């Protein structure tokens, strides 16, 4: 089962209900909004792994909402749902930054497969470490060389410690889902468990303890957040 969090924006109440129920039955967490304005508010209120949105909606249409989302997040997958089948509309959707375009009517099986494929591509593209140093609090972290420096003391991290810290430092303060970290770092290693990952989190906490402004918090049943306290 997956725990990916999906923002569903669909103004058709019946279709929206069916989509939400189907996605939740397949293990997804779903936040549903019934117009573009509510969808924009929901997006800024939580952290999502994918946006699934209708194009023709009141208040703010799907294309305009996607543009707003892309100003904040360049990476989050977006799938458009629409009754439009014109080539120009599909091109516009992809031009804005959409990852897929599903024309109504569609089968739920097809939609589920498309969501799975888009999420898989997104996770795959997100998993390689972003090169270059990160500076947060008193810490200087270099994922390329797997080094962590606080004040003048430098520590060499293991490959998995560095990979986990790299994921946490991409967007400090936002939730890193356990499933995402497991898949990105350990892949299909079925012998590895989420409980074992807690050991690596403990090691990172120990490595960062010299900086009181930093904290890795556990969000029960969800994942972790790196909190950087401001002076």
Protein backbone atom coordinates (compact mmCIF):
# COMPACT_ATOMS: atom_id res chain seq x y z
CA UNK A 1 0.00 0.00 0.00
CA UNK A 2 1.12 3.55 -0.68
CA UNK A 3 0.87 6.61 1.52
CA UNK A 4 1.33 9.20 -1.23
CA UNK A 5 -0.67 12.35 -0.57
CA UNK A 6 -2.77 13.54 -3.54
CA UNK A 7 -4.45 16.89 -4.04
CA UNK A 8 -7.63 16.28 -6.06
CA UNK A 9 -9.31 19.36 -7.53
CA UNK A 10 -12.56 18.47 -9.31
CA UNK A 11 -15.74 20.56 -9.44
CA UNK A 12 -18.00 17.64 -10.40
CA UNK A 13 -19.20 16.46 -6.98
CA UNK A 14 -20.11 12.93 -8.12
CA UNK A 15 -16.89 12.32 -10.03
CA UNK A 16 -14.86 13.90 -7.26
CA UNK A 17 -16.42 11.61 -4.68
CA UNK A 18 -15.83 8.51 -6.80
CA UNK A 19 -12.23 9.50 -7.52
CA UNK A 20 -11.50 10.17 -3.86
CA UNK A 21 -13.08 6.93 -2.72
CA UNK A 22 -11.23 4.89 -5.37
CA UNK A 23 -7.86 6.48 -4.63
CA UNK A 24 -8.29 5.99 -0.88
CA UNK A 25 -9.24 2.34 -1.41
CA UNK A 26 -5.89 1.95 -3.17
CA UNK A 27 -4.03 3.42 -0.23
CA UNK A 28 -3.61 7.05 -1.29
CA UNK A 29 -4.30 9.96 1.01
CA UNK A 30 -6.59 12.43 -0.72
CA UNK A 31 -7.47 16.06 -0.09
CA UNK A 32 -10.37 17.09 -2.32
CA UNK A 33 -11.24 20.63 -3.39
CA UNK A 34 -14.24 21.54 -5.55
CA UNK A 35 -12.86 24.60 -7.34
CA UNK A 36 -9.54 26.13 -8.29
CA UNK A 37 -9.51 28.70 -5.49
CA UNK A 38 -10.08 26.05 -2.83
CA UNK A 39 -7.47 23.89 -4.56
CA UNK A 40 -4.89 26.66 -4.32
CA UNK A 41 -5.61 27.13 -0.60
CA UNK A 42 -5.34 23.38 0.01
CA UNK A 43 -2.02 23.22 -1.84
CA UNK A 44 -0.47 25.87 0.39
CA UNK A 45 -1.88 24.26 3.55
CA UNK A 46 -0.25 20.83 3.17
CA UNK A 47 2.51 18.87 1.43
CA UNK A 48 1.48 16.76 -1.55
CA UNK A 49 3.13 14.17 -3.78
CA UNK A 50 0.86 14.71 -6.80
CA UNK A 51 -1.85 17.11 -8.03
CA UNK A 52 -4.81 15.67 -9.95
CA UNK A 53 -6.97 18.46 -11.33
CA UNK A 54 -9.79 19.21 -13.70
CA UNK A 55 -9.16 21.90 -16.32
CA UNK A 56 -12.56 23.57 -16.58
CA UNK A 57 -13.41 24.79 -13.06
CA UNK A 58 -15.04 27.82 -11.43
CA UNK A 59 -13.04 30.52 -9.62
CA UNK A 60 -9.66 29.42 -11.04
CA UNK A 61 -9.30 26.99 -13.97
CA UNK A 62 -6.90 24.06 -13.87
CA UNK A 63 -4.29 25.59 -16.16
CA UNK A 64 -4.15 28.79 -14.09
CA UNK A 65 -3.93 26.77 -10.88
CA UNK A 66 -1.08 24.71 -12.35
CA UNK A 67 0.83 27.89 -13.23
CA UNK A 68 0.46 29.10 -9.64
CA UNK A 69 1.63 25.75 -8.26
CA UNK A 70 4.63 25.71 -10.59
CA UNK A 71 5.72 29.09 -9.23
CA UNK A 72 6.08 27.44 -5.83
CA UNK A 73 7.04 23.88 -6.74
CA UNK A 74 8.80 23.01 -9.99
CA UNK A 75 8.86 19.27 -9.34
CA UNK A 76 5.48 18.12 -8.03
CA UNK A 77 3.70 15.93 -10.63
CA UNK A 78 0.51 17.35 -12.13
CA UNK A 79 -2.09 15.30 -14.00
CA UNK A 80 -4.89 17.13 -15.80
CA UNK A 81 -8.40 15.69 -16.09
CA UNK A 82 -10.52 17.19 -18.83
CA UNK A 83 -13.36 16.66 -21.25
CA UNK A 84 -11.32 18.56 -23.84
CA UNK A 85 -9.56 16.43 -26.43
CA UNK A 86 -8.19 19.13 -28.72
CA UNK A 87 -4.50 18.90 -29.51
CA UNK A 88 -3.99 22.57 -28.61
CA UNK A 89 -5.33 21.99 -25.09
CA UNK A 90 -3.05 19.01 -24.49
CA UNK A 91 -0.07 21.03 -25.71
CA UNK A 92 -1.04 23.88 -23.39
CA UNK A 93 -1.25 21.48 -20.46
CA UNK A 94 2.23 20.10 -21.11
CA UNK A 95 3.62 23.57 -21.80
CA UNK A 96 2.51 24.73 -18.37
CA UNK A 97 4.34 21.81 -16.79
CA UNK A 98 1.77 19.03 -16.63
CA UNK A 99 3.08 15.48 -16.46
CA UNK A 100 0.07 13.73 -17.96
CA UNK A 101 -3.29 14.55 -19.53
CA UNK A 102 -6.31 12.24 -19.11
CA UNK A 103 -9.37 12.83 -21.27
CA UNK A 104 -12.85 12.15 -19.86
CA UNK A 105 -14.43 9.66 -19.85
CA UNK A 106 -11.64 7.40 -18.60
CA UNK A 107 -11.42 4.11 -16.74
CA UNK A 108 -10.34 4.15 -13.12
CA UNK A 109 -7.87 1.37 -13.88
CA UNK A 110 -6.16 3.51 -16.51
CA UNK A 111 -6.04 6.52 -14.19
CA UNK A 112 -4.53 4.47 -11.36
CA UNK A 113 -1.84 3.14 -13.69
CA UNK A 114 -1.06 6.65 -14.94
CA UNK A 115 -0.80 7.97 -11.38
CA UNK A 116 1.50 5.10 -10.44
CA UNK A 117 3.71 5.71 -13.48
CA UNK A 118 3.96 9.46 -12.90
CA UNK A 119 4.81 9.00 -9.22
CA UNK A 120 7.44 6.41 -10.11
CA UNK A 121 9.08 8.79 -12.61
CA UNK A 122 8.94 11.60 -10.10
CA UNK A 123 10.57 9.55 -7.36
CA UNK A 124 13.20 8.24 -9.75
CA UNK A 125 14.15 11.74 -10.86
CA UNK A 126 14.22 12.95 -7.27
CA UNK A 127 16.40 10.18 -5.89
CA UNK A 128 19.87 11.17 -7.23
CA UNK A 129 21.52 13.56 -4.76
CA UNK A 130 21.61 17.21 -5.75
CA UNK A 131 25.28 18.13 -5.91
CA UNK A 132 26.77 21.10 -4.12
CA UNK A 133 27.05 22.09 -0.46
CA UNK A 134 24.14 22.94 1.82
CA UNK A 135 24.41 25.43 4.64
CA UNK A 136 21.78 25.40 7.38
CA UNK A 137 22.20 26.62 10.92
CA UNK A 138 25.89 26.18 11.79
CA UNK A 139 26.17 23.17 9.52
CA UNK A 140 28.01 22.90 6.22
CA UNK A 141 26.89 19.71 4.47
CA UNK A 142 28.41 18.48 1.22
CA UNK A 143 26.40 15.55 -0.20
CA UNK A 144 28.90 15.01 -3.00
CA UNK A 145 31.73 14.25 -0.57
CA UNK A 146 29.43 12.99 2.22
CA UNK A 147 30.92 15.40 4.75
CA UNK A 148 29.27 17.28 7.59
CA UNK A 149 31.07 20.22 9.18
CA UNK A 150 29.95 22.07 12.33
CA UNK A 151 32.21 24.91 13.45
CA UNK A 152 35.67 23.47 12.68
CA UNK A 153 34.83 19.81 13.28
CA UNK A 154 34.28 17.69 10.17
CA UNK A 155 32.60 14.29 10.13
CA UNK A 156 32.49 11.76 7.30
CA UNK A 157 29.01 10.31 6.79
CA UNK A 158 28.18 6.90 5.39
CA UNK A 159 26.56 6.75 1.97
CA UNK A 160 23.07 6.10 3.38
CA UNK A 161 23.44 8.70 6.15
CA UNK A 162 24.41 11.28 3.54
CA UNK A 163 21.59 10.26 1.19
CA UNK A 164 19.02 10.53 4.00
CA UNK A 165 20.31 13.93 5.12
CA UNK A 166 20.31 15.09 1.50
CA UNK A 167 16.59 14.30 1.25
CA UNK A 168 15.87 16.07 4.53
CA UNK A 169 17.75 19.21 3.49
CA UNK A 170 16.07 19.65 0.13
CA UNK A 171 13.19 21.51 1.77
CA UNK A 172 13.78 22.01 5.51
CA UNK A 173 10.54 22.16 7.45
CA UNK A 174 8.61 19.98 5.00
CA UNK A 175 7.66 16.37 5.55
CA UNK A 176 9.90 13.64 4.17
CA UNK A 177 7.66 10.59 3.82
CA UNK A 178 9.14 7.34 5.13
CA UNK A 179 8.09 5.47 1.97
CA UNK A 180 9.77 8.07 -0.23
CA UNK A 181 13.04 7.82 1.71
CA UNK A 182 12.97 4.02 1.73
CA UNK A 183 12.34 3.82 -2.00
CA UNK A 184 14.87 6.52 -2.91
CA UNK A 185 17.71 5.14 -0.78
CA UNK A 186 17.07 1.41 -0.38
CA UNK A 187 15.05 0.76 -3.52
CA UNK A 188 13.61 -2.73 -3.69
CA UNK A 189 15.60 -4.07 -0.74
CA UNK A 190 12.76 -5.91 0.99
CA UNK A 191 14.96 -6.84 3.94
CA UNK A 192 15.14 -3.22 5.00
CA UNK A 193 12.43 -1.93 7.33
CA UNK A 194 11.23 1.49 8.39
CA UNK A 195 12.30 0.71 11.95
CA UNK A 196 15.85 0.20 10.75
CA UNK A 197 15.73 3.65 9.16
CA UNK A 198 15.16 5.08 12.64
CA UNK A 199 18.71 3.97 13.43
CA UNK A 200 20.03 6.21 10.66
CA UNK A 201 17.86 9.09 11.88
CA UNK A 202 19.35 8.62 15.37
CA UNK A 203 22.85 8.76 13.90
CA UNK A 204 22.04 11.99 12.08
CA UNK A 205 20.58 13.52 15.24
CA UNK A 206 23.79 12.64 17.06
CA UNK A 207 25.87 14.16 14.25
CA UNK A 208 23.84 17.39 14.38
CA UNK A 209 23.59 17.72 18.17
CA UNK A 210 26.32 20.38 18.33
CA UNK A 211 23.90 22.81 16.66
CA UNK A 212 20.99 23.58 19.00
CA UNK A 213 19.05 25.30 16.20
CA UNK A 214 18.59 22.01 14.32
CA UNK A 215 16.14 19.26 15.08
CA UNK A 216 14.95 16.18 13.18
CA UNK A 217 11.41 15.49 14.35
CA UNK A 218 9.44 12.31 13.87
CA UNK A 219 5.92 12.73 12.49
CA UNK A 220 4.24 9.57 13.75
CA UNK A 221 3.24 7.21 10.98
CA UNK A 222 4.30 9.72 8.32
CA UNK A 223 8.01 10.47 8.24
CA UNK A 224 10.45 13.15 9.34
CA UNK A 225 11.07 16.87 9.19
CA UNK A 226 14.31 18.80 9.55
CA UNK A 227 13.50 21.90 11.60
CA UNK A 228 15.87 24.86 11.40
CA UNK A 229 15.06 27.34 14.15
CA UNK A 230 15.63 30.99 13.32
CA UNK A 231 17.43 33.32 15.70
